[in-house]
Amino acid sequence: IIEANLRQRYGVIVIGIQRHDRRMEFNPEPNTAIHAGDKLVVLGRPNPLKELEAEAAGT
């Protein structure tokens, strides 16, 4: 998570990760790895969230 630099780039806080196998991890540590198929649960302002969503979608 820390390498993705999401807080500085988008002002969002990662509060959870839904893993590709559907299990949830809440309050992940900064050194938690993000894997293909994982979904992040984040808090942030609407416009930066839209920017993050667009980047994650590859647009």
C-alpha atoms as a PDB file:
ATOM      1  CA  ILE A   1       0.000   0.000   0.000  1.00  0.00           C
ATOM      2  CA  ILE A   2       2.729   2.430   0.939  1.00  0.00           C
ATOM      3  CA  GLU A   3       4.441   2.083  -2.455  1.00  0.00           C
ATOM      4  CA  ALA A   4       1.199   3.036  -4.238  1.00  0.00           C
ATOM      5  CA  ASN A   5       1.434   6.435  -2.490  1.00  0.00           C
ATOM      6  CA  LEU A   6      -2.370   6.791  -2.552  1.00  0.00           C
ATOM      7  CA  ARG A   7      -2.640   9.218   0.345  1.00  0.00           C
ATOM      8  CA  GLN A   8      -0.207  11.700  -1.195  1.00  0.00           C
ATOM      9  CA  ARG A   9      -1.446  11.280  -4.787  1.00  0.00           C
ATOM     10  CA  TYR A  10      -5.195  11.228  -4.141  1.00  0.00           C
ATOM     11  CA  GLY A  11      -5.715  12.119  -0.489  1.00  0.00           C
ATOM     12  CA  VAL A  12      -7.402   8.778   0.197  1.00  0.00           C
ATOM     13  CA  ILE A  13      -7.084   6.430   3.142  1.00  0.00           C
ATOM     14  CA  VAL A  14      -7.166   2.666   2.577  1.00  0.00           C
ATOM     15  CA  ILE A  15      -9.443   1.174   5.243  1.00  0.00           C
ATOM     16  CA  GLY A  16      -9.713  -2.325   3.802  1.00  0.00           C
ATOM     17  CA  ILE A  17      -8.898  -4.741   1.018  1.00  0.00           C
ATOM     18  CA  GLN A  18     -11.273  -7.246  -0.500  1.00  0.00           C
ATOM     19  CA  ARG A  19      -9.006 -10.012  -1.719  1.00  0.00           C
ATOM     20  CA  HIS A  20      -9.631 -11.809  -5.006  1.00  0.00           C
ATOM     21  CA  ASP A  21     -10.980 -14.763  -2.994  1.00  0.00           C
ATOM     22  CA  ARG A  22     -13.573 -12.364  -1.448  1.00  0.00           C
ATOM     23  CA  ARG A  23     -12.116 -12.345   2.073  1.00  0.00           C
ATOM     24  CA  MET A  24     -11.828  -8.920   3.676  1.00  0.00           C
ATOM     25  CA  GLU A  25      -8.846  -7.404   5.448  1.00  0.00           C
ATOM     26  CA  PHE A  26      -9.663  -4.295   7.478  1.00  0.00           C
ATOM     27  CA  ASN A  27      -7.214  -1.616   8.609  1.00  0.00           C
ATOM     28  CA  PRO A  28      -4.311  -3.029   6.562  1.00  0.00           C
ATOM     29  CA  GLU A  29      -0.734  -2.228   7.532  1.00  0.00           C
ATOM     30  CA  PRO A  30       1.163   0.156   5.214  1.00  0.00           C
ATOM     31  CA  ASN A  31       3.437  -2.683   4.054  1.00  0.00           C
ATOM     32  CA  THR A  32       0.464  -4.863   3.000  1.00  0.00           C
ATOM     33  CA  ALA A  33       0.803  -6.069  -0.599  1.00  0.00           C
ATOM     34  CA  ILE A  34      -1.916  -5.389  -3.164  1.00  0.00           C
ATOM     35  CA  HIS A  35      -2.444  -8.208  -5.677  1.00  0.00           C
ATOM     36  CA  ALA A  36      -4.198  -8.443  -9.040  1.00  0.00           C
ATOM     37  CA  GLY A  37      -7.917  -8.907  -8.458  1.00  0.00           C
ATOM     38  CA  ASP A  38      -7.905  -7.176  -5.064  1.00  0.00           C
ATOM     39  CA  LYS A  39     -10.336  -4.312  -4.457  1.00  0.00           C
ATOM     40  CA  LEU A  40      -9.435  -1.440  -2.175  1.00  0.00           C
ATOM     41  CA  VAL A  41     -11.904   0.073   0.261  1.00  0.00           C
ATOM     42  CA  VAL A  42     -10.932   3.729   0.603  1.00  0.00           C
ATOM     43  CA  LEU A  43     -12.149   6.996   2.115  1.00  0.00           C
ATOM     44  CA  GLY A  44     -11.635  10.288   0.346  1.00  0.00           C
ATOM     45  CA  ARG A  45     -13.158  13.246  -1.430  1.00  0.00           C
ATOM     46  CA  PRO A  46     -15.297  12.590  -4.528  1.00  0.00           C
ATOM     47  CA  ASN A  47     -13.096  14.093  -7.263  1.00  0.00           C
ATOM     48  CA  PRO A  48      -9.842  12.421  -6.180  1.00  0.00           C
ATOM     49  CA  LEU A  49     -11.751   9.129  -5.818  1.00  0.00           C
ATOM     50  CA  LYS A  50     -12.921   9.453  -9.428  1.00  0.00           C
ATOM     51  CA  GLU A  51      -9.321  10.080 -10.530  1.00  0.00           C
ATOM     52  CA  LEU A  52      -8.134   6.999  -8.631  1.00  0.00           C
ATOM     53  CA  GLU A  53     -10.935   4.896 -10.094  1.00  0.00           C
ATOM     54  CA  ALA A  54     -10.049   6.064 -13.621  1.00  0.00           C
ATOM     55  CA  GLU A  55      -6.371   5.211 -13.103  1.00  0.00           C
ATOM     56  CA  ALA A  56      -7.227   1.795 -11.675  1.00  0.00           C
ATOM     57  CA  ALA A  57      -9.445   1.126 -14.707  1.00  0.00           C
ATOM     58  CA  GLY A  58      -6.599   2.116 -17.017  1.00  0.00           C
ATOM     59  CA  THR A  59      -8.357   5.141 -18.516  1.00  0.00           C
END
